[in-house]
Amino acid sequence: MVLLEISSGWESFFQLIGILLVFILVLAITYAVTKWIAEYQQGVTADKNIHVVETFRVSNNKFIQIIQVGKKYLAVSVCKDSMNVLAELTEEQLTWLPSMEEKKESPINGSFQEILENLKKKIPRK
């Protein structure tokens, strides 16, 4: 009887280890697939003629966006079911126009440590 209880305990332990390994494997596969999809999507949209320069949320499902279509800049309103052109803009009317290099070097692509250090610098000390 005691021998059966000991083997049952070991069997439960190995089942737990097996489940943990499967869980870690699923997490690793999910991470790899997510990374692959992100790189694929970035590659698909990188060399296109339409770029969103800036987005401003007006309400819950209404936005104003500045988009670059070829060499033109347009201010558009984006709602749930529609999209309307508000105005055509020139480069001189834009106050800040990020280049593709600046977009790649943005803090969003930085490490968590870099982002945290930048936030610490911005918060005033009392």
N, C-alpha and C. Protein backbone atom coordinates (compact mmCIF):
# COMPACT_ATOMS: atom_id res chain seq x y z
N MET A 1 0.80 -1.19 0.00
CA MET A 1 0.00 0.00 0.00
C MET A 1 0.85 1.26 0.00
N VAL A 2 1.85 1.32 0.84
CA VAL A 2 2.71 2.48 0.92
C VAL A 2 3.45 2.67 -0.40
N LEU A 3 3.85 1.58 -1.01
CA LEU A 3 4.55 1.65 -2.30
C LEU A 3 3.65 2.24 -3.38
N LEU A 4 2.36 1.89 -3.37
CA LEU A 4 1.43 2.45 -4.34
C LEU A 4 1.25 3.94 -4.14
N GLU A 5 1.19 4.41 -2.89
CA GLU A 5 1.03 5.83 -2.61
C GLU A 5 2.26 6.62 -3.05
N ILE A 6 3.45 6.05 -2.88
CA ILE A 6 4.68 6.74 -3.28
C ILE A 6 4.73 6.84 -4.80
N SER A 7 4.42 5.74 -5.50
CA SER A 7 4.45 5.79 -6.96
C SER A 7 3.37 6.71 -7.50
N SER A 8 2.23 6.79 -6.85
CA SER A 8 1.17 7.70 -7.26
C SER A 8 1.62 9.15 -7.09
N GLY A 9 2.35 9.44 -6.03
CA GLY A 9 2.88 10.79 -5.81
C GLY A 9 3.87 11.18 -6.89
N TRP A 10 4.77 10.26 -7.24
CA TRP A 10 5.74 10.53 -8.29
C TRP A 10 5.04 10.70 -9.64
N GLU A 11 4.02 9.88 -9.86
CA GLU A 11 3.28 9.99 -11.11
C GLU A 11 2.61 11.36 -11.23
N SER A 12 2.03 11.85 -10.15
CA SER A 12 1.42 13.18 -10.14
C SER A 12 2.47 14.27 -10.38
N PHE A 13 3.64 14.10 -9.78
CA PHE A 13 4.72 15.06 -9.96
C PHE A 13 5.15 15.13 -11.42
N PHE A 14 5.32 13.97 -12.06
CA PHE A 14 5.72 13.95 -13.47
C PHE A 14 4.62 14.50 -14.38
N GLN A 15 3.35 14.27 -14.02
CA GLN A 15 2.27 14.86 -14.79
C GLN A 15 2.31 16.39 -14.69
N LEU A 16 2.59 16.90 -13.49
CA LEU A 16 2.69 18.35 -13.30
C LEU A 16 3.84 18.92 -14.12
N ILE A 17 4.98 18.26 -14.09
CA ILE A 17 6.13 18.71 -14.88
C ILE A 17 5.80 18.68 -16.37
N GLY A 18 5.11 17.62 -16.81
CA GLY A 18 4.71 17.52 -18.21
C GLY A 18 3.78 18.65 -18.63
N ILE A 19 2.82 18.97 -17.78
CA ILE A 19 1.88 20.05 -18.09
C ILE A 19 2.62 21.39 -18.13
N LEU A 20 3.55 21.61 -17.20
CA LEU A 20 4.33 22.85 -17.21
C LEU A 20 5.17 22.96 -18.47
N LEU A 21 5.77 21.86 -18.91
CA LEU A 21 6.56 21.89 -20.15
C LEU A 21 5.70 22.20 -21.37
N VAL A 22 4.50 21.60 -21.42
CA VAL A 22 3.59 21.89 -22.53
C VAL A 22 3.17 23.35 -22.50
N PHE A 23 2.90 23.89 -21.30
CA PHE A 23 2.52 25.30 -21.15
C PHE A 23 3.65 26.21 -21.64
N ILE A 24 4.87 25.92 -21.24
CA ILE A 24 6.02 26.73 -21.66
C ILE A 24 6.22 26.63 -23.18
N LEU A 25 6.01 25.44 -23.73
CA LEU A 25 6.12 25.25 -25.18
C LEU A 25 5.06 26.08 -25.92
N VAL A 26 3.83 26.08 -25.42
CA VAL A 26 2.76 26.86 -26.04
C VAL A 26 3.10 28.35 -25.96
N LEU A 27 3.61 28.82 -24.82
CA LEU A 27 4.01 30.22 -24.70
C LEU A 27 5.12 30.57 -25.68
N ALA A 28 6.10 29.71 -25.84
CA ALA A 28 7.21 29.97 -26.76
C ALA A 28 6.71 30.02 -28.20
N ILE A 29 5.83 29.11 -28.57
CA ILE A 29 5.29 29.11 -29.94
C ILE A 29 4.46 30.36 -30.17
N THR A 30 3.66 30.76 -29.18
CA THR A 30 2.85 31.97 -29.30
C THR A 30 3.73 33.20 -29.47
N TYR A 31 4.79 33.29 -28.69
CA TYR A 31 5.72 34.41 -28.80
C TYR A 31 6.36 34.45 -30.19
N ALA A 32 6.81 33.30 -30.68
CA ALA A 32 7.48 33.24 -31.98
C ALA A 32 6.52 33.62 -33.11
N VAL A 33 5.29 33.12 -33.06
CA VAL A 33 4.32 33.42 -34.11
C VAL A 33 3.94 34.90 -34.07
N THR A 34 3.76 35.45 -32.88
CA THR A 34 3.42 36.87 -32.75
C THR A 34 4.54 37.74 -33.31
N LYS A 35 5.78 37.39 -33.00
CA LYS A 35 6.93 38.13 -33.51
C LYS A 35 6.99 38.04 -35.05
N TRP A 36 6.74 36.86 -35.58
CA TRP A 36 6.77 36.66 -37.02
C TRP A 36 5.68 37.46 -37.71
N ILE A 37 4.46 37.46 -37.15
CA ILE A 37 3.36 38.22 -37.75
C ILE A 37 3.66 39.71 -37.71
N ALA A 38 4.22 40.20 -36.61
CA ALA A 38 4.56 41.63 -36.50
C ALA A 38 5.59 42.02 -37.55
N GLU A 39 6.62 41.22 -37.74
CA GLU A 39 7.63 41.52 -38.76
C GLU A 39 7.04 41.45 -40.17
N TYR A 40 6.15 40.50 -40.39
CA TYR A 40 5.51 40.38 -41.70
C TYR A 40 4.65 41.60 -41.99
N GLN A 41 3.83 42.02 -41.01
CA GLN A 41 2.97 43.18 -41.20
C GLN A 41 3.78 44.45 -41.41
N GLN A 42 4.88 44.59 -40.68
CA GLN A 42 5.73 45.76 -40.84
C GLN A 42 6.37 45.77 -42.23
N GLY A 43 6.75 44.62 -42.72
CA GLY A 43 7.33 44.53 -44.06
C GLY A 43 6.31 44.81 -45.15
N VAL A 44 5.07 44.42 -44.93
CA VAL A 44 4.02 44.63 -45.92
C VAL A 44 3.69 46.11 -46.04
N THR A 45 3.65 46.83 -44.91
CA THR A 45 3.24 48.23 -44.95
C THR A 45 4.41 49.20 -45.05
N ALA A 46 5.63 48.74 -45.01
CA ALA A 46 6.79 49.63 -44.97
C ALA A 46 6.98 50.42 -46.27
N ASP A 47 6.81 49.79 -47.39
CA ASP A 47 7.12 50.44 -48.67
C ASP A 47 5.87 50.83 -49.45
N LYS A 48 4.84 51.18 -48.76
CA LYS A 48 3.59 51.57 -49.41
C LYS A 48 3.51 53.09 -49.52
N ASN A 49 2.54 53.57 -50.27
CA ASN A 49 2.39 54.99 -50.51
C ASN A 49 1.50 55.69 -49.49
N ILE A 50 0.87 54.95 -48.62
CA ILE A 50 -0.03 55.54 -47.62
C ILE A 50 0.55 55.33 -46.24
N HIS A 51 0.74 56.44 -45.49
CA HIS A 51 1.27 56.38 -44.13
C HIS A 51 0.41 57.26 -43.23
N VAL A 52 0.11 56.77 -42.03
CA VAL A 52 -0.58 57.59 -41.05
C VAL A 52 0.49 58.37 -40.30
N VAL A 53 0.44 59.69 -40.39
CA VAL A 53 1.44 60.55 -39.76
C VAL A 53 1.07 60.79 -38.31
N GLU A 54 -0.20 61.11 -38.07
CA GLU A 54 -0.64 61.44 -36.71
C GLU A 54 -2.12 61.11 -36.57
N THR A 55 -2.53 60.71 -35.36
CA THR A 55 -3.92 60.41 -35.06
C THR A 55 -4.33 61.14 -33.80
N PHE A 56 -5.51 61.76 -33.82
CA PHE A 56 -6.05 62.46 -32.66
C PHE A 56 -7.45 61.93 -32.39
N ARG A 57 -7.69 61.46 -31.17
CA ARG A 57 -9.01 60.93 -30.81
C ARG A 57 -9.92 62.09 -30.42
N VAL A 58 -11.04 62.21 -31.11
CA VAL A 58 -12.02 63.24 -30.81
C VAL A 58 -13.03 62.73 -29.80
N SER A 59 -13.53 61.52 -30.01
CA SER A 59 -14.43 60.86 -29.06
C SER A 59 -14.15 59.37 -29.13
N ASN A 60 -15.07 58.61 -28.57
CA ASN A 60 -14.82 57.17 -28.43
C ASN A 60 -14.51 56.47 -29.75
N ASN A 61 -15.25 56.79 -30.79
CA ASN A 61 -15.01 56.12 -32.08
C ASN A 61 -14.85 57.12 -33.23
N LYS A 62 -14.37 58.33 -32.90
CA LYS A 62 -14.15 59.35 -33.94
C LYS A 62 -12.73 59.88 -33.81
N PHE A 63 -12.04 59.92 -34.94
CA PHE A 63 -10.64 60.32 -34.97
C PHE A 63 -10.42 61.34 -36.08
N ILE A 64 -9.40 62.17 -35.89
CA ILE A 64 -8.88 63.00 -36.97
C ILE A 64 -7.46 62.50 -37.22
N GLN A 65 -7.18 62.19 -38.47
CA GLN A 65 -5.87 61.66 -38.83
C GLN A 65 -5.23 62.53 -39.91
N ILE A 66 -3.93 62.66 -39.81
CA ILE A 66 -3.15 63.24 -40.90
C ILE A 66 -2.47 62.07 -41.58
N ILE A 67 -2.77 61.90 -42.86
CA ILE A 67 -2.19 60.78 -43.60
C ILE A 67 -1.40 61.33 -44.78
N GLN A 68 -0.37 60.58 -45.13
CA GLN A 68 0.43 60.92 -46.30
C GLN A 68 0.06 59.95 -47.40
N VAL A 69 -0.41 60.48 -48.51
CA VAL A 69 -0.75 59.67 -49.67
C VAL A 69 0.18 60.11 -50.79
N GLY A 70 1.19 59.32 -51.06
CA GLY A 70 2.21 59.72 -52.01
C GLY A 70 2.99 60.88 -51.43
N LYS A 71 2.91 62.05 -52.10
CA LYS A 71 3.58 63.25 -51.58
C LYS A 71 2.59 64.26 -51.00
N LYS A 72 1.31 63.91 -50.99
CA LYS A 72 0.29 64.80 -50.44
C LYS A 72 0.00 64.41 -48.99
N TYR A 73 -0.40 65.43 -48.22
CA TYR A 73 -0.83 65.22 -46.85
C TYR A 73 -2.29 65.61 -46.74
N LEU A 74 -3.10 64.73 -46.14
CA LEU A 74 -4.52 64.98 -46.01
C LEU A 74 -4.93 64.89 -44.55
N ALA A 75 -5.81 65.78 -44.12
CA ALA A 75 -6.45 65.67 -42.82
C ALA A 75 -7.80 65.01 -43.07
N VAL A 76 -8.05 63.89 -42.41
CA VAL A 76 -9.30 63.15 -42.63
C VAL A 76 -9.97 62.89 -41.29
N SER A 77 -11.29 62.81 -41.32
CA SER A 77 -12.04 62.40 -40.15
C SER A 77 -12.44 60.94 -40.35
N VAL A 78 -12.19 60.16 -39.33
CA VAL A 78 -12.48 58.74 -39.40
C VAL A 78 -13.51 58.44 -38.32
N CYS A 79 -14.68 57.94 -38.76
CA CYS A 79 -15.75 57.57 -37.84
C CYS A 79 -15.98 56.07 -37.97
N LYS A 80 -16.98 55.61 -37.26
CA LYS A 80 -17.28 54.18 -37.26
C LYS A 80 -17.55 53.65 -38.67
N ASP A 81 -18.39 54.36 -39.42
CA ASP A 81 -18.81 53.88 -40.73
C ASP A 81 -18.36 54.73 -41.90
N SER A 82 -17.62 55.81 -41.64
CA SER A 82 -17.26 56.69 -42.75
C SER A 82 -15.89 57.31 -42.54
N MET A 83 -15.40 57.87 -43.65
CA MET A 83 -14.11 58.57 -43.64
C MET A 83 -14.26 59.74 -44.61
N ASN A 84 -13.98 60.97 -44.11
CA ASN A 84 -14.16 62.16 -44.93
C ASN A 84 -12.86 62.97 -44.95
N VAL A 85 -12.56 63.54 -46.11
CA VAL A 85 -11.39 64.41 -46.23
C VAL A 85 -11.77 65.79 -45.71
N LEU A 86 -10.98 66.28 -44.75
CA LEU A 86 -11.23 67.60 -44.18
C LEU A 86 -10.46 68.68 -44.93
N ALA A 87 -9.17 68.43 -45.18
CA ALA A 87 -8.34 69.44 -45.85
C ALA A 87 -7.11 68.78 -46.43
N GLU A 88 -6.53 69.45 -47.41
CA GLU A 88 -5.24 69.03 -47.93
C GLU A 88 -4.18 69.93 -47.30
N LEU A 89 -3.11 69.35 -46.80
CA LEU A 89 -2.08 70.09 -46.08
C LEU A 89 -0.78 70.09 -46.87
N THR A 90 0.04 71.09 -46.60
CA THR A 90 1.39 71.11 -47.15
C THR A 90 2.37 70.75 -46.04
N GLU A 91 3.59 70.45 -46.42
CA GLU A 91 4.61 70.12 -45.42
C GLU A 91 4.87 71.28 -44.47
N GLU A 92 4.75 72.50 -44.98
CA GLU A 92 5.00 73.69 -44.15
C GLU A 92 3.94 73.84 -43.06
N GLN A 93 2.75 73.35 -43.30
CA GLN A 93 1.68 73.45 -42.31
C GLN A 93 1.82 72.45 -41.18
N LEU A 94 2.60 71.42 -41.39
CA LEU A 94 2.81 70.42 -40.35
C LEU A 94 3.91 70.90 -39.41
N THR A 95 3.67 70.77 -38.10
CA THR A 95 4.67 71.24 -37.14
C THR A 95 5.77 70.22 -36.91
N TRP A 96 5.46 68.96 -37.09
CA TRP A 96 6.47 67.94 -36.89
C TRP A 96 6.17 66.79 -37.82
N LEU A 97 7.16 66.43 -38.61
CA LEU A 97 6.99 65.36 -39.57
C LEU A 97 8.08 64.32 -39.32
N PRO A 98 7.74 63.18 -38.71
CA PRO A 98 8.77 62.19 -38.44
C PRO A 98 9.22 61.47 -39.71
N SER A 99 10.50 61.24 -39.80
CA SER A 99 11.01 60.47 -40.93
C SER A 99 10.90 58.98 -40.59
N MET A 100 11.12 58.15 -41.56
CA MET A 100 11.04 56.71 -41.32
C MET A 100 12.11 56.28 -40.32
N GLU A 101 13.29 56.93 -40.33
CA GLU A 101 14.34 56.60 -39.37
C GLU A 101 13.92 56.96 -37.96
N GLU A 102 13.25 58.12 -37.80
CA GLU A 102 12.78 58.51 -36.48
C GLU A 102 11.72 57.56 -35.97
N LYS A 103 10.87 57.08 -36.87
CA LYS A 103 9.84 56.12 -36.45
C LYS A 103 10.49 54.83 -35.95
N LYS A 104 11.55 54.41 -36.60
CA LYS A 104 12.22 53.18 -36.18
C LYS A 104 12.97 53.37 -34.88
N GLU A 105 13.43 54.60 -34.60
CA GLU A 105 14.18 54.87 -33.38
C GLU A 105 13.29 55.38 -32.25
N SER A 106 11.98 55.30 -32.40
CA SER A 106 11.08 55.83 -31.38
C SER A 106 11.20 55.01 -30.10
N PRO A 107 10.86 55.61 -28.94
CA PRO A 107 10.98 54.91 -27.67
C PRO A 107 10.11 53.67 -27.58
N ILE A 108 9.10 53.58 -28.43
CA ILE A 108 8.26 52.39 -28.39
C ILE A 108 9.08 51.16 -28.77
N ASN A 109 10.03 51.33 -29.66
CA ASN A 109 10.86 50.20 -30.08
C ASN A 109 12.04 49.98 -29.14
N GLY A 110 12.23 50.85 -28.15
CA GLY A 110 13.33 50.71 -27.21
C GLY A 110 13.03 49.64 -26.16
N SER A 111 14.01 49.39 -25.33
CA SER A 111 13.81 48.40 -24.27
C SER A 111 12.98 49.03 -23.15
N PHE A 112 12.44 48.19 -22.30
CA PHE A 112 11.64 48.68 -21.19
C PHE A 112 12.48 49.55 -20.27
N GLN A 113 13.74 49.18 -20.08
CA GLN A 113 14.63 49.96 -19.22
C GLN A 113 14.82 51.38 -19.75
N GLU A 114 14.99 51.53 -21.07
CA GLU A 114 15.16 52.85 -21.68
C GLU A 114 13.90 53.69 -21.51
N ILE A 115 12.74 53.08 -21.72
CA ILE A 115 11.48 53.79 -21.57
C ILE A 115 11.30 54.24 -20.13
N LEU A 116 11.62 53.37 -19.17
CA LEU A 116 11.49 53.70 -17.76
C LEU A 116 12.43 54.84 -17.38
N GLU A 117 13.65 54.83 -17.88
CA GLU A 117 14.60 55.91 -17.59
C GLU A 117 14.11 57.24 -18.16
N ASN A 118 13.56 57.22 -19.37
CA ASN A 118 13.02 58.45 -19.96
C ASN A 118 11.85 58.99 -19.15
N LEU A 119 11.00 58.11 -18.65
CA LEU A 119 9.88 58.56 -17.82
C LEU A 119 10.37 59.14 -16.50
N LYS A 120 11.40 58.54 -15.92
CA LYS A 120 11.95 59.05 -14.67
C LYS A 120 12.50 60.46 -14.85
N LYS A 121 13.10 60.73 -16.00
CA LYS A 121 13.64 62.06 -16.28
C LYS A 121 12.54 63.09 -16.43
N LYS A 122 11.38 62.70 -16.96
CA LYS A 122 10.29 63.62 -17.21
C LYS A 122 9.50 63.95 -15.95
N ILE A 123 9.49 63.06 -14.97
CA ILE A 123 8.72 63.29 -13.75
C ILE A 123 9.51 64.24 -12.84
N PRO A 124 8.90 65.37 -12.47
CA PRO A 124 9.64 66.32 -11.62
C PRO A 124 9.77 65.80 -10.19
N ARG A 125 10.92 66.07 -9.58
CA ARG A 125 11.17 65.70 -8.19
C ARG A 125 10.63 66.76 -7.28
N LYS A 126 10.11 66.34 -6.12
CA LYS A 126 9.57 67.31 -5.15
C LYS A 126 10.54 67.56 -4.04
